[in-house]
């Protein structure tokens, strides 16, 4: 089976602790303890989302393929 996969469109979704964010972002997170970061293959953070489902949705809406990291 020959399946081509465009790794340039892969993004990684990982949970992060709000406490690890800069103060400006911590204030915006409200009562949340965790957020979900979306990163490209180079490690650049593209987005923060309140839930894993929202992070995946953001990736898919932008024609990106999300992969979960633990």
N, C-alpha and C. Protein backbone atom coordinates (compact mmCIF):
# COMPACT_ATOMS: atom_id res chain seq x y z
N UNK A 1 0.85 -1.17 0.00
CA UNK A 1 0.00 0.00 0.00
C UNK A 1 0.89 1.24 0.00
N UNK A 2 0.68 2.11 -0.95
CA UNK A 2 1.42 3.36 -1.06
C UNK A 2 0.51 4.52 -0.70
N UNK A 3 0.65 5.03 0.50
CA UNK A 3 -0.17 6.14 0.95
C UNK A 3 0.76 7.32 1.22
N UNK A 4 0.44 8.45 0.58
CA UNK A 4 1.25 9.64 0.82
C UNK A 4 0.65 10.42 1.98
N UNK A 5 1.53 10.91 2.84
CA UNK A 5 1.08 11.68 4.00
C UNK A 5 1.88 12.96 4.03
N UNK A 6 1.19 14.08 4.14
CA UNK A 6 1.84 15.39 4.17
C UNK A 6 2.12 15.77 5.63
N UNK A 7 3.36 15.51 6.06
CA UNK A 7 3.72 15.80 7.45
C UNK A 7 3.76 17.30 7.74
N UNK A 8 3.83 18.12 6.71
CA UNK A 8 3.83 19.57 6.92
C UNK A 8 2.50 20.04 7.49
N UNK A 9 1.48 19.23 7.33
CA UNK A 9 0.16 19.59 7.84
C UNK A 9 -0.15 18.94 9.19
N UNK A 10 0.82 18.29 9.78
CA UNK A 10 0.64 17.65 11.07
C UNK A 10 0.85 18.68 12.18
N UNK A 11 -0.05 18.70 13.14
CA UNK A 11 0.12 19.52 14.34
C UNK A 11 -0.06 18.63 15.55
N UNK A 12 0.50 19.06 16.64
CA UNK A 12 0.50 18.27 17.86
C UNK A 12 -0.30 18.98 18.94
N UNK A 13 -1.19 18.25 19.58
CA UNK A 13 -2.05 18.79 20.63
C UNK A 13 -1.59 18.19 21.95
N UNK A 14 -1.26 19.06 22.90
CA UNK A 14 -0.81 18.55 24.19
C UNK A 14 -1.40 19.37 25.32
N UNK A 15 -1.70 18.71 26.43
CA UNK A 15 -2.20 19.44 27.60
C UNK A 15 -1.06 20.21 28.26
N UNK A 16 -1.38 21.39 28.76
CA UNK A 16 -0.40 22.19 29.49
C UNK A 16 -1.05 22.73 30.76
N UNK A 17 -0.26 22.91 31.78
CA UNK A 17 -0.75 23.49 33.02
C UNK A 17 -0.81 25.00 32.88
N UNK A 18 -1.91 25.58 33.27
CA UNK A 18 -2.06 27.03 33.22
C UNK A 18 -0.98 27.70 34.06
N UNK A 19 -0.58 27.07 35.16
CA UNK A 19 0.45 27.64 36.04
C UNK A 19 1.79 27.82 35.33
N UNK A 20 2.01 27.09 34.23
CA UNK A 20 3.27 27.19 33.48
C UNK A 20 3.25 28.31 32.44
N UNK A 21 2.11 28.97 32.28
CA UNK A 21 1.98 30.03 31.27
C UNK A 21 2.42 31.38 31.83
N UNK A 22 2.75 32.32 30.95
CA UNK A 22 3.03 33.68 31.41
C UNK A 22 1.81 34.27 32.11
N UNK A 23 2.04 35.22 33.00
CA UNK A 23 0.98 35.81 33.82
C UNK A 23 -0.18 36.32 32.96
N UNK A 24 0.13 36.98 31.85
CA UNK A 24 -0.94 37.54 31.00
C UNK A 24 -1.91 36.45 30.53
N UNK A 25 -1.37 35.29 30.18
CA UNK A 25 -2.23 34.19 29.72
C UNK A 25 -2.93 33.50 30.88
N UNK A 26 -2.25 33.41 32.02
CA UNK A 26 -2.90 32.80 33.20
C UNK A 26 -4.15 33.58 33.57
N UNK A 27 -4.08 34.89 33.52
CA UNK A 27 -5.23 35.72 33.85
C UNK A 27 -6.39 35.46 32.89
N UNK A 28 -6.08 35.23 31.63
CA UNK A 28 -7.12 34.99 30.62
C UNK A 28 -7.74 33.60 30.73
N UNK A 29 -7.06 32.68 31.38
CA UNK A 29 -7.54 31.30 31.48
C UNK A 29 -8.66 31.14 32.50
N UNK A 30 -8.88 32.17 33.31
CA UNK A 30 -9.96 32.10 34.28
C UNK A 30 -9.75 31.00 35.30
N UNK A 31 -10.76 30.15 35.49
CA UNK A 31 -10.72 29.09 36.50
C UNK A 31 -10.11 27.78 35.99
N UNK A 32 -9.67 27.76 34.75
CA UNK A 32 -9.13 26.51 34.18
C UNK A 32 -7.76 26.20 34.76
N UNK A 33 -7.52 24.92 35.03
CA UNK A 33 -6.22 24.46 35.51
C UNK A 33 -5.33 24.00 34.36
N UNK A 34 -5.96 23.53 33.26
CA UNK A 34 -5.23 23.02 32.10
C UNK A 34 -5.81 23.62 30.83
N UNK A 35 -4.95 23.80 29.84
CA UNK A 35 -5.34 24.18 28.49
C UNK A 35 -4.71 23.18 27.54
N UNK A 36 -5.06 23.28 26.27
CA UNK A 36 -4.49 22.40 25.26
C UNK A 36 -3.80 23.26 24.21
N UNK A 37 -2.51 23.00 24.03
CA UNK A 37 -1.71 23.77 23.08
C UNK A 37 -1.63 23.01 21.77
N UNK A 38 -1.66 23.76 20.67
CA UNK A 38 -1.49 23.21 19.33
C UNK A 38 -0.15 23.71 18.82
N UNK A 39 0.74 22.78 18.46
CA UNK A 39 2.09 23.11 18.00
C UNK A 39 2.33 22.54 16.61
N UNK A 40 3.13 23.25 15.80
CA UNK A 40 3.52 22.69 14.51
C UNK A 40 4.73 21.78 14.71
N UNK A 41 5.23 21.20 13.63
CA UNK A 41 6.33 20.24 13.72
C UNK A 41 7.62 20.88 14.21
N UNK A 42 7.76 22.20 14.07
CA UNK A 42 8.94 22.91 14.54
C UNK A 42 8.84 23.30 16.01
N UNK A 43 7.71 22.98 16.65
CA UNK A 43 7.52 23.30 18.05
C UNK A 43 6.89 24.65 18.30
N UNK A 44 6.58 25.38 17.24
CA UNK A 44 5.95 26.70 17.38
C UNK A 44 4.51 26.53 17.85
N UNK A 45 4.14 27.24 18.91
CA UNK A 45 2.77 27.19 19.41
C UNK A 45 1.87 27.99 18.49
N UNK A 46 0.83 27.34 17.98
CA UNK A 46 -0.10 27.98 17.06
C UNK A 46 -1.37 28.46 17.74
N UNK A 47 -1.77 27.75 18.80
CA UNK A 47 -3.03 28.10 19.46
C UNK A 47 -3.08 27.49 20.86
N UNK A 48 -3.95 28.07 21.68
CA UNK A 48 -4.32 27.51 22.97
C UNK A 48 -5.82 27.34 22.97
N UNK A 49 -6.29 26.22 23.51
CA UNK A 49 -7.73 25.96 23.55
C UNK A 49 -8.12 25.47 24.94
N UNK A 50 -9.36 25.71 25.30
CA UNK A 50 -9.85 25.31 26.61
C UNK A 50 -10.03 23.80 26.75
N UNK A 51 -10.30 23.12 25.66
CA UNK A 51 -10.52 21.67 25.70
C UNK A 51 -9.76 20.99 24.57
N UNK A 52 -9.51 19.70 24.74
CA UNK A 52 -8.88 18.91 23.69
C UNK A 52 -9.75 18.91 22.43
N UNK A 53 -11.04 18.76 22.62
CA UNK A 53 -11.96 18.74 21.47
C UNK A 53 -11.88 20.04 20.68
N UNK A 54 -11.80 21.16 21.36
CA UNK A 54 -11.70 22.44 20.68
C UNK A 54 -10.37 22.56 19.94
N UNK A 55 -9.28 22.10 20.55
CA UNK A 55 -7.98 22.14 19.90
C UNK A 55 -7.98 21.30 18.61
N UNK A 56 -8.56 20.12 18.68
CA UNK A 56 -8.66 19.25 17.50
C UNK A 56 -9.52 19.91 16.44
N UNK A 57 -10.64 20.48 16.85
CA UNK A 57 -11.53 21.16 15.92
C UNK A 57 -10.81 22.31 15.21
N UNK A 58 -10.05 23.11 15.97
CA UNK A 58 -9.30 24.22 15.38
C UNK A 58 -8.33 23.72 14.31
N UNK A 59 -7.64 22.63 14.61
CA UNK A 59 -6.69 22.06 13.66
C UNK A 59 -7.41 21.60 12.39
N UNK A 60 -8.47 20.84 12.56
CA UNK A 60 -9.20 20.32 11.40
C UNK A 60 -9.81 21.44 10.56
N UNK A 61 -10.32 22.47 11.20
CA UNK A 61 -10.90 23.60 10.47
C UNK A 61 -9.86 24.35 9.64
N UNK A 62 -8.59 24.18 10.00
CA UNK A 62 -7.51 24.83 9.26
C UNK A 62 -6.74 23.84 8.39
N UNK A 63 -7.42 22.75 8.05
CA UNK A 63 -6.86 21.71 7.17
C UNK A 63 -5.55 21.13 7.68
N UNK A 64 -5.46 20.99 8.99
CA UNK A 64 -4.29 20.39 9.62
C UNK A 64 -4.68 19.06 10.25
N UNK A 65 -3.72 18.16 10.38
CA UNK A 65 -3.98 16.84 10.95
C UNK A 65 -3.47 16.80 12.38
N UNK A 66 -4.38 16.80 13.38
CA UNK A 66 -3.93 16.79 14.79
C UNK A 66 -3.48 15.41 15.26
N UNK A 67 -2.45 15.42 16.08
CA UNK A 67 -1.94 14.22 16.74
C UNK A 67 -1.83 14.56 18.21
N UNK A 68 -2.34 13.70 19.08
CA UNK A 68 -2.30 13.96 20.52
C UNK A 68 -0.96 13.56 21.12
N UNK A 69 -0.47 14.41 22.01
CA UNK A 69 0.73 14.11 22.79
C UNK A 69 0.32 14.05 24.25
N UNK A 70 1.05 13.28 25.02
CA UNK A 70 0.71 13.15 26.45
C UNK A 70 1.73 13.88 27.27
